[in-house]
Amino acid sequence: MTTTSTKFLTNCPRCGYIAEAQTQDGVVVTVKCKMCGYEGELPSPDLKDKPWRVL
């Protein structure tokens, strides 16, 4: 089974600047901001209102 990675742009939770985001599983997003240096994991924006799958 192969895992695909999805890369997209999002706003940094710390400074609000455009940051690079990447997800492997669609549940957790890894965010890296070049402006303020923030690196961390956040829940996917697709799960904001309701989870679409249960782990």
PDB file of N, CA and C in Angstrom:
ATOM      1  N   MET A   1       0.847  -1.177   0.000  1.00  0.00           N
ATOM      2  CA  MET A   1       0.000   0.000   0.000  1.00  0.00           C
ATOM      3  C   MET A   1       0.893   1.241   0.000  1.00  0.00           C
ATOM      4  N   THR A   2       0.636   2.165  -0.898  1.00  0.00           N
ATOM      5  CA  THR A   2       1.426   3.387  -0.965  1.00  0.00           C
ATOM      6  C   THR A   2       0.665   4.534  -0.324  1.00  0.00           C
ATOM      7  N   THR A   3       1.415   5.418   0.300  1.00  0.00           N
ATOM      8  CA  THR A   3       0.832   6.587   0.943  1.00  0.00           C
ATOM      9  C   THR A   3       1.128   7.802   0.090  1.00  0.00           C
ATOM     10  N   THR A   4       0.108   8.564  -0.222  1.00  0.00           N
ATOM     11  CA  THR A   4       0.322   9.772  -0.997  1.00  0.00           C
ATOM     12  C   THR A   4       0.352  10.974  -0.073  1.00  0.00           C
ATOM     13  N   SER A   5       1.125  11.943  -0.472  1.00  0.00           N
ATOM     14  CA  SER A   5       1.270  13.163   0.306  1.00  0.00           C
ATOM     15  C   SER A   5       0.609  14.300  -0.452  1.00  0.00           C
ATOM     16  N   THR A   6      -0.120  15.130   0.254  1.00  0.00           N
ATOM     17  CA  THR A   6      -0.769  16.277  -0.361  1.00  0.00           C
ATOM     18  C   THR A   6      -0.168  17.544   0.220  1.00  0.00           C
ATOM     19  N   LYS A   7       0.324  18.415  -0.669  1.00  0.00           N
ATOM     20  CA  LYS A   7       0.898  19.691  -0.238  1.00  0.00           C
ATOM     21  C   LYS A   7      -0.036  20.815  -0.661  1.00  0.00           C
ATOM     22  N   PHE A   8      -0.182  21.814   0.206  1.00  0.00           N
ATOM     23  CA  PHE A   8      -1.020  22.962  -0.095  1.00  0.00           C
ATOM     24  C   PHE A   8      -0.575  24.138   0.756  1.00  0.00           C
ATOM     25  N   LEU A   9      -1.142  25.309   0.503  1.00  0.00           N
ATOM     26  CA  LEU A   9      -0.828  26.501   1.283  1.00  0.00           C
ATOM     27  C   LEU A   9      -1.932  26.768   2.284  1.00  0.00           C
ATOM     28  N   THR A  10      -1.554  27.261   3.449  1.00  0.00           N
ATOM     29  CA  THR A  10      -2.507  27.617   4.494  1.00  0.00           C
ATOM     30  C   THR A  10      -1.946  28.810   5.252  1.00  0.00           C
ATOM     31  N   ASN A  11      -2.718  29.354   6.158  1.00  0.00           N
ATOM     32  CA  ASN A  11      -2.228  30.462   6.982  1.00  0.00           C
ATOM     33  C   ASN A  11      -1.550  29.909   8.224  1.00  0.00           C
ATOM     34  N   CYS A  12      -0.448  30.540   8.592  1.00  0.00           N
ATOM     35  CA  CYS A  12       0.281  30.155   9.798  1.00  0.00           C
ATOM     36  C   CYS A  12      -0.576  30.477  11.023  1.00  0.00           C
ATOM     37  N   PRO A  13      -0.704  29.532  11.963  1.00  0.00           N
ATOM     38  CA  PRO A  13      -1.510  29.805  13.156  1.00  0.00           C
ATOM     39  C   PRO A  13      -0.857  30.828  14.085  1.00  0.00           C
ATOM     40  N   ARG A  14       0.452  31.049  13.953  1.00  0.00           N
ATOM     41  CA  ARG A  14       1.155  31.986  14.823  1.00  0.00           C
ATOM     42  C   ARG A  14       1.122  33.409  14.267  1.00  0.00           C
ATOM     43  N   CYS A  15       1.545  33.603  13.013  1.00  0.00           N
ATOM     44  CA  CYS A  15       1.673  34.964  12.473  1.00  0.00           C
ATOM     45  C   CYS A  15       0.652  35.300  11.400  1.00  0.00           C
ATOM     46  N   GLY A  16      -0.052  34.306  10.848  1.00  0.00           N
ATOM     47  CA  GLY A  16      -1.067  34.557   9.833  1.00  0.00           C
ATOM     48  C   GLY A  16      -0.533  34.634   8.415  1.00  0.00           C
ATOM     49  N   TYR A  17       0.796  34.537   8.239  1.00  0.00           N
ATOM     50  CA  TYR A  17       1.398  34.586   6.914  1.00  0.00           C
ATOM     51  C   TYR A  17       1.121  33.267   6.184  1.00  0.00           C
ATOM     52  N   ILE A  18       1.296  33.254   4.876  1.00  0.00           N
ATOM     53  CA  ILE A  18       1.080  32.037   4.099  1.00  0.00           C
ATOM     54  C   ILE A  18       2.185  31.038   4.433  1.00  0.00           C
ATOM     55  N   ALA A  19       1.791  29.818   4.765  1.00  0.00           N
ATOM     56  CA  ALA A  19       2.729  28.774   5.147  1.00  0.00           C
ATOM     57  C   ALA A  19       2.505  27.534   4.293  1.00  0.00           C
ATOM     58  N   GLU A  20       3.545  26.716   4.189  1.00  0.00           N
ATOM     59  CA  GLU A  20       3.440  25.450   3.471  1.00  0.00           C
ATOM     60  C   GLU A  20       2.842  24.402   4.400  1.00  0.00           C
ATOM     61  N   ALA A  21       1.922  23.628   3.882  1.00  0.00           N
ATOM     62  CA  ALA A  21       1.295  22.570   4.673  1.00  0.00           C
ATOM     63  C   ALA A  21       1.364  21.266   3.890  1.00  0.00           C
ATOM     64  N   GLN A  22       1.460  20.172   4.626  1.00  0.00           N
ATOM     65  CA  GLN A  22       1.543  18.859   3.997  1.00  0.00           C
ATOM     66  C   GLN A  22       0.811  17.858   4.873  1.00  0.00           C
ATOM     67  N   THR A  23       0.068  16.962   4.240  1.00  0.00           N
ATOM     68  CA  THR A  23      -0.626  15.917   4.983  1.00  0.00           C
ATOM     69  C   THR A  23      -0.364  14.566   4.333  1.00  0.00           C
ATOM     70  N   GLN A  24      -0.182  13.569   5.158  1.00  0.00           N
ATOM     71  CA  GLN A  24       0.032  12.199   4.689  1.00  0.00           C
ATOM     72  C   GLN A  24      -1.270  11.398   4.735  1.00  0.00           C
ATOM     73  N   ASP A  25      -2.090  11.675   5.746  1.00  0.00           N
ATOM     74  CA  ASP A  25      -3.263  10.835   5.983  1.00  0.00           C
ATOM     75  C   ASP A  25      -4.595  11.579   5.917  1.00  0.00           C
ATOM     76  N   GLY A  26      -4.568  12.894   5.716  1.00  0.00           N
ATOM     77  CA  GLY A  26      -5.805  13.660   5.657  1.00  0.00           C
ATOM     78  C   GLY A  26      -6.365  14.014   7.020  1.00  0.00           C
ATOM     79  N   VAL A  27      -5.709  13.623   8.096  1.00  0.00           N
ATOM     80  CA  VAL A  27      -6.181  13.903   9.445  1.00  0.00           C
ATOM     81  C   VAL A  27      -5.300  14.949  10.126  1.00  0.00           C
ATOM     82  N   VAL A  28      -3.985  14.810   9.967  1.00  0.00           N
ATOM     83  CA  VAL A  28      -3.025  15.719  10.589  1.00  0.00           C
ATOM     84  C   VAL A  28      -2.265  16.465   9.496  1.00  0.00           C
ATOM     85  N   VAL A  29      -2.099  17.776   9.677  1.00  0.00           N
ATOM     86  CA  VAL A  29      -1.383  18.618   8.729  1.00  0.00           C
ATOM     87  C   VAL A  29      -0.115  19.133   9.389  1.00  0.00           C
ATOM     88  N   THR A  30       1.016  18.983   8.715  1.00  0.00           N
ATOM     89  CA  THR A  30       2.284  19.533   9.182  1.00  0.00           C
ATOM     90  C   THR A  30       2.462  20.893   8.534  1.00  0.00           C
ATOM     91  N   VAL A  31       2.608  21.943   9.345  1.00  0.00           N
ATOM     92  CA  VAL A  31       2.704  23.322   8.858  1.00  0.00           C
ATOM     93  C   VAL A  31       4.117  23.841   9.093  1.00  0.00           C
ATOM     94  N   LYS A  32       4.689  24.488   8.052  1.00  0.00           N
ATOM     95  CA  LYS A  32       6.009  25.120   8.160  1.00  0.00           C
ATOM     96  C   LYS A  32       5.907  26.531   7.609  1.00  0.00           C
ATOM     97  N   CYS A  33       6.175  27.524   8.468  1.00  0.00           N
ATOM     98  CA  CYS A  33       6.091  28.931   8.080  1.00  0.00           C
ATOM     99  C   CYS A  33       7.503  29.488   7.905  1.00  0.00           C
ATOM    100  N   LYS A  34       7.773  30.064   6.748  1.00  0.00           N
ATOM    101  CA  LYS A  34       9.088  30.657   6.484  1.00  0.00           C
ATOM    102  C   LYS A  34       9.206  32.055   7.089  1.00  0.00           C
ATOM    103  N   MET A  35       8.087  32.683   7.404  1.00  0.00           N
ATOM    104  CA  MET A  35       8.120  34.041   7.949  1.00  0.00           C
ATOM    105  C   MET A  35       8.554  34.047   9.422  1.00  0.00           C
ATOM    106  N   CYS A  36       7.871  33.272  10.257  1.00  0.00           N
ATOM    107  CA  CYS A  36       8.177  33.297  11.695  1.00  0.00           C
ATOM    108  C   CYS A  36       8.901  32.043  12.180  1.00  0.00           C
ATOM    109  N   GLY A  37       9.025  31.021  11.328  1.00  0.00           N
ATOM    110  CA  GLY A  37       9.734  29.809  11.708  1.00  0.00           C
ATOM    111  C   GLY A  37       8.886  28.760  12.400  1.00  0.00           C
ATOM    112  N   TYR A  38       7.573  28.956  12.453  1.00  0.00           N
ATOM    113  CA  TYR A  38       6.688  27.997  13.113  1.00  0.00           C
ATOM    114  C   TYR A  38       6.713  26.659  12.379  1.00  0.00           C
ATOM    115  N   GLU A  39       6.836  25.585  13.124  1.00  0.00           N
ATOM    116  CA  GLU A  39       6.711  24.232  12.602  1.00  0.00           C
ATOM    117  C   GLU A  39       5.889  23.434  13.597  1.00  0.00           C
ATOM    118  N   GLY A  40       4.834  22.835  13.120  1.00  0.00           N
ATOM    119  CA  GLY A  40       3.997  22.058  14.014  1.00  0.00           C
ATOM    120  C   GLY A  40       2.933  21.285  13.269  1.00  0.00           C
ATOM    121  N   GLU A  41       2.151  20.523  14.018  1.00  0.00           N
ATOM    122  CA  GLU A  41       1.073  19.727  13.460  1.00  0.00           C
ATOM    123  C   GLU A  41      -0.265  20.260  13.942  1.00  0.00           C
ATOM    124  N   LEU A  42      -1.213  20.301  13.029  1.00  0.00           N
ATOM    125  CA  LEU A  42      -2.564  20.773  13.322  1.00  0.00           C
ATOM    126  C   LEU A  42      -3.563  19.782  12.752  1.00  0.00           C
ATOM    127  N   PRO A  43      -4.798  19.791  13.247  1.00  0.00           N
ATOM    128  CA  PRO A  43      -5.836  18.978  12.613  1.00  0.00           C
ATOM    129  C   PRO A  43      -6.116  19.498  11.207  1.00  0.00           C
ATOM    130  N   SER A  44      -6.469  18.612  10.325  1.00  0.00           N
ATOM    131  CA  SER A  44      -6.762  18.998   8.946  1.00  0.00           C
ATOM    132  C   SER A  44      -7.933  19.968   8.890  1.00  0.00           C
ATOM    133  N   PRO A  45      -7.875  20.983   8.014  1.00  0.00           N
ATOM    134  CA  PRO A  45      -9.008  21.905   7.885  1.00  0.00           C
ATOM    135  C   PRO A  45     -10.270  21.214   7.366  1.00  0.00           C
ATOM    136  N   ASP A  46     -10.127  20.050   6.737  1.00  0.00           N
ATOM    137  CA  ASP A  46     -11.288  19.290   6.274  1.00  0.00           C
ATOM    138  C   ASP A  46     -12.102  18.738   7.434  1.00  0.00           C
ATOM    139  N   LEU A  47     -11.500  18.662   8.618  1.00  0.00           N
ATOM    140  CA  LEU A  47     -12.186  18.115   9.794  1.00  0.00           C
ATOM    141  C   LEU A  47     -12.750  19.206  10.694  1.00  0.00           C
ATOM    142  N   LYS A  48     -12.798  20.432  10.205  1.00  0.00           N
ATOM    143  CA  LYS A  48     -13.203  21.574  11.025  1.00  0.00           C
ATOM    144  C   LYS A  48     -14.602  21.424  11.608  1.00  0.00           C
ATOM    145  N   ASP A  49     -15.574  21.063  10.788  1.00  0.00           N
ATOM    146  CA  ASP A  49     -16.946  20.962  11.258  1.00  0.00           C
ATOM    147  C   ASP A  49     -17.293  19.579  11.808  1.00  0.00           C
ATOM    148  N   LYS A  50     -16.964  18.555  11.033  1.00  0.00           N
ATOM    149  CA  LYS A  50     -17.281  17.187  11.451  1.00  0.00           C
ATOM    150  C   LYS A  50     -16.191  16.254  10.950  1.00  0.00           C
ATOM    151  N   PRO A  51     -15.826  15.249  11.716  1.00  0.00           N
ATOM    152  CA  PRO A  51     -14.880  14.268  11.194  1.00  0.00           C
ATOM    153  C   PRO A  51     -15.540  13.441  10.104  1.00  0.00           C
ATOM    154  N   TRP A  52     -14.817  13.198   9.047  1.00  0.00           N
ATOM    155  CA  TRP A  52     -15.373  12.414   7.942  1.00  0.00           C
ATOM    156  C   TRP A  52     -14.997  10.955   8.030  1.00  0.00           C
ATOM    157  N   ARG A  53     -14.137  10.628   8.972  1.00  0.00           N
ATOM    158  CA  ARG A  53     -13.841   9.206   9.201  1.00  0.00           C
ATOM    159  C   ARG A  53     -13.439   9.017  10.662  1.00  0.00           C
ATOM    160  N   VAL A  54     -13.603   7.821  11.142  1.00  0.00           N
ATOM    161  CA  VAL A  54     -13.273   7.499  12.529  1.00  0.00           C
ATOM    162  C   VAL A  54     -12.077   6.576  12.523  1.00  0.00           C
ATOM    163  N   LEU A  55     -11.088   6.895  13.357  1.00  0.00           N
ATOM    164  CA  LEU A  55      -9.891   6.048  13.449  1.00  0.00           C
ATOM    165  C   LEU A  55     -10.054   5.002  14.516  1.00  0.00           C
TER     166      LEU A  55
END
